Amino acid sequence: MELEFTAHAKDRQRNRSIGVDIIKHVVTFGRERHHGGAVVLEMDRKSRQKLRQHLGADSYRAIEDRLGI
């Protein structure tokens, strides 16, 4: 999956130390909701369960703390 980022998004990503791998996981497994005209992706319980099944327990544990950013 190839993602394109605006300059603003790249700055925010860098400032928050969010790796592209985390962003790809959120885009792939996150739940989409609409808020004030924007599309918001969030990692709710079901999204996290699907990601854990995809990655395996050990790999999931390695990134779990970065999913709430």
N, C-alpha and C. Protein backbone atom coordinates (compact mmCIF):
# COMPACT_ATOMS: atom_id res chain seq x y z
N MET A 1 0.85 -1.17 0.00
CA MET A 1 0.00 0.00 0.00
C MET A 1 0.90 1.23 0.00
N GLU A 2 0.65 2.09 -0.94
CA GLU A 2 1.42 3.33 -1.04
C GLU A 2 0.55 4.48 -0.56
N LEU A 3 1.03 5.20 0.43
CA LEU A 3 0.30 6.34 0.97
C LEU A 3 0.99 7.63 0.57
N GLU A 4 0.21 8.66 0.30
CA GLU A 4 0.75 9.97 0.00
C GLU A 4 0.38 10.90 1.14
N PHE A 5 1.35 11.70 1.58
CA PHE A 5 1.14 12.60 2.70
C PHE A 5 1.35 14.04 2.27
N THR A 6 0.54 14.92 2.80
CA THR A 6 0.77 16.35 2.59
C THR A 6 1.97 16.77 3.44
N ALA A 7 2.50 17.94 3.17
CA ALA A 7 3.62 18.45 3.98
C ALA A 7 3.20 18.58 5.44
N HIS A 8 1.97 19.03 5.66
CA HIS A 8 1.46 19.16 7.04
C HIS A 8 1.40 17.79 7.73
N ALA A 9 0.91 16.79 7.01
CA ALA A 9 0.81 15.45 7.59
C ALA A 9 2.20 14.90 7.92
N LYS A 10 3.16 15.14 7.05
CA LYS A 10 4.53 14.69 7.30
C LYS A 10 5.11 15.35 8.54
N ASP A 11 4.85 16.64 8.71
CA ASP A 11 5.31 17.35 9.90
C ASP A 11 4.69 16.78 11.16
N ARG A 12 3.37 16.54 11.12
CA ARG A 12 2.68 15.98 12.29
C ARG A 12 3.19 14.58 12.61
N GLN A 13 3.39 13.79 11.58
CA GLN A 13 3.90 12.43 11.75
C GLN A 13 5.27 12.47 12.42
N ARG A 14 6.14 13.33 11.93
CA ARG A 14 7.49 13.45 12.46
C ARG A 14 7.45 13.97 13.90
N ASN A 15 6.65 15.00 14.16
CA ASN A 15 6.56 15.58 15.51
C ASN A 15 6.03 14.59 16.54
N ARG A 16 5.15 13.71 16.10
CA ARG A 16 4.54 12.72 17.02
C ARG A 16 5.25 11.37 16.99
N SER A 17 6.28 11.25 16.17
CA SER A 17 7.06 10.01 16.05
C SER A 17 6.17 8.82 15.69
N ILE A 18 5.32 9.02 14.69
CA ILE A 18 4.43 7.96 14.24
C ILE A 18 5.02 7.35 12.98
N GLY A 19 5.36 6.07 13.04
CA GLY A 19 5.94 5.40 11.89
C GLY A 19 4.90 5.09 10.82
N VAL A 20 5.37 4.98 9.59
CA VAL A 20 4.48 4.67 8.46
C VAL A 20 3.80 3.33 8.69
N ASP A 21 4.49 2.39 9.34
CA ASP A 21 3.87 1.08 9.60
C ASP A 21 2.62 1.23 10.46
N ILE A 22 2.65 2.08 11.45
CA ILE A 22 1.48 2.30 12.32
C ILE A 22 0.35 2.94 11.51
N ILE A 23 0.67 3.90 10.69
CA ILE A 23 -0.35 4.56 9.87
C ILE A 23 -1.00 3.55 8.94
N LYS A 24 -0.20 2.69 8.32
CA LYS A 24 -0.75 1.68 7.42
C LYS A 24 -1.68 0.72 8.18
N HIS A 25 -1.33 0.36 9.40
CA HIS A 25 -2.19 -0.53 10.19
C HIS A 25 -3.51 0.15 10.51
N VAL A 26 -3.46 1.44 10.86
CA VAL A 26 -4.69 2.17 11.19
C VAL A 26 -5.56 2.31 9.94
N VAL A 27 -4.96 2.62 8.80
CA VAL A 27 -5.73 2.75 7.56
C VAL A 27 -6.36 1.41 7.18
N THR A 28 -5.63 0.33 7.37
CA THR A 28 -6.12 -0.99 6.99
C THR A 28 -7.15 -1.55 7.96
N PHE A 29 -6.90 -1.40 9.25
CA PHE A 29 -7.74 -2.07 10.25
C PHE A 29 -8.62 -1.12 11.07
N GLY A 30 -8.39 0.18 10.98
CA GLY A 30 -9.14 1.13 11.81
C GLY A 30 -10.60 1.24 11.40
N ARG A 31 -11.40 1.64 12.36
CA ARG A 31 -12.83 1.85 12.12
C ARG A 31 -13.03 3.29 11.66
N GLU A 32 -13.79 3.44 10.60
CA GLU A 32 -14.06 4.76 10.03
C GLU A 32 -15.32 5.35 10.64
N ARG A 33 -15.22 6.61 11.02
CA ARG A 33 -16.41 7.33 11.47
C ARG A 33 -16.33 8.74 10.92
N HIS A 34 -17.46 9.41 10.87
CA HIS A 34 -17.53 10.77 10.32
C HIS A 34 -17.79 11.74 11.46
N HIS A 35 -17.03 12.84 11.42
CA HIS A 35 -17.14 13.83 12.49
C HIS A 35 -16.94 15.22 11.89
N GLY A 36 -17.98 16.02 11.89
CA GLY A 36 -17.88 17.39 11.39
C GLY A 36 -17.38 17.50 9.97
N GLY A 37 -17.78 16.59 9.11
CA GLY A 37 -17.36 16.62 7.73
C GLY A 37 -16.04 15.92 7.44
N ALA A 38 -15.37 15.46 8.48
CA ALA A 38 -14.09 14.76 8.31
C ALA A 38 -14.30 13.26 8.52
N VAL A 39 -13.44 12.48 7.90
CA VAL A 39 -13.41 11.04 8.13
C VAL A 39 -12.31 10.77 9.15
N VAL A 40 -12.68 10.10 10.24
CA VAL A 40 -11.75 9.80 11.32
C VAL A 40 -11.57 8.29 11.38
N LEU A 41 -10.32 7.85 11.46
CA LEU A 41 -10.03 6.43 11.65
C LEU A 41 -9.59 6.22 13.08
N GLU A 42 -10.16 5.22 13.73
CA GLU A 42 -9.79 4.94 15.11
C GLU A 42 -9.61 3.45 15.31
N MET A 43 -8.77 3.11 16.24
CA MET A 43 -8.51 1.71 16.55
C MET A 43 -9.34 1.31 17.77
N ASP A 44 -10.58 0.91 17.51
CA ASP A 44 -11.43 0.46 18.59
C ASP A 44 -11.09 -0.99 18.93
N ARG A 45 -11.81 -1.57 19.85
CA ARG A 45 -11.51 -2.92 20.32
C ARG A 45 -11.53 -3.95 19.19
N LYS A 46 -12.53 -3.89 18.34
CA LYS A 46 -12.61 -4.85 17.23
C LYS A 46 -11.47 -4.66 16.24
N SER A 47 -11.12 -3.41 15.97
CA SER A 47 -10.01 -3.13 15.05
C SER A 47 -8.70 -3.69 15.60
N ARG A 48 -8.50 -3.51 16.90
CA ARG A 48 -7.28 -4.03 17.54
C ARG A 48 -7.25 -5.55 17.52
N GLN A 49 -8.41 -6.18 17.71
CA GLN A 49 -8.48 -7.64 17.66
C GLN A 49 -8.11 -8.15 16.26
N LYS A 50 -8.62 -7.51 15.23
CA LYS A 50 -8.31 -7.92 13.86
C LYS A 50 -6.82 -7.74 13.57
N LEU A 51 -6.25 -6.64 14.02
CA LEU A 51 -4.83 -6.41 13.80
C LEU A 51 -4.00 -7.45 14.55
N ARG A 52 -4.40 -7.76 15.77
CA ARG A 52 -3.67 -8.77 16.55
C ARG A 52 -3.71 -10.12 15.84
N GLN A 53 -4.84 -10.49 15.29
CA GLN A 53 -4.94 -11.75 14.55
C GLN A 53 -4.05 -11.73 13.32
N HIS A 54 -3.99 -10.59 12.66
CA HIS A 54 -3.17 -10.45 11.46
C HIS A 54 -1.67 -10.53 11.77
N LEU A 55 -1.23 -9.83 12.82
CA LEU A 55 0.19 -9.75 13.14
C LEU A 55 0.70 -10.91 13.98
N GLY A 56 -0.18 -11.47 14.80
CA GLY A 56 0.25 -12.43 15.81
C GLY A 56 0.47 -11.70 17.12
N ALA A 57 0.36 -12.43 18.22
CA ALA A 57 0.37 -11.81 19.55
C ALA A 57 1.68 -11.08 19.84
N ASP A 58 2.82 -11.67 19.54
CA ASP A 58 4.10 -11.04 19.87
C ASP A 58 4.33 -9.76 19.09
N SER A 59 4.07 -9.77 17.79
CA SER A 59 4.25 -8.57 16.97
C SER A 59 3.26 -7.49 17.38
N TYR A 60 2.04 -7.89 17.71
CA TYR A 60 1.04 -6.92 18.14
C TYR A 60 1.47 -6.23 19.44
N ARG A 61 1.96 -7.01 20.38
CA ARG A 61 2.40 -6.44 21.66
C ARG A 61 3.51 -5.42 21.46
N ALA A 62 4.35 -5.63 20.46
CA ALA A 62 5.47 -4.73 20.20
C ALA A 62 5.01 -3.34 19.74
N ILE A 63 3.82 -3.25 19.15
CA ILE A 63 3.34 -1.95 18.65
C ILE A 63 2.09 -1.46 19.37
N GLU A 64 1.54 -2.25 20.23
CA GLU A 64 0.24 -1.94 20.85
C GLU A 64 0.21 -0.55 21.50
N ASP A 65 1.26 -0.16 22.18
CA ASP A 65 1.25 1.12 22.88
C ASP A 65 1.27 2.31 21.91
N ARG A 66 1.62 2.11 20.65
CA ARG A 66 1.66 3.20 19.67
C ARG A 66 0.35 3.35 18.90
N LEU A 67 -0.64 2.50 19.15
CA LEU A 67 -1.89 2.55 18.38
C LEU A 67 -2.84 3.62 18.87
N GLY A 68 -2.62 4.17 20.03
CA GLY A 68 -3.52 5.18 20.57
C GLY A 68 -3.11 6.61 20.26
N ILE A 69 -2.11 6.76 19.42
CA ILE A 69 -1.61 8.11 19.11
C ILE A 69 -2.63 8.85 18.29
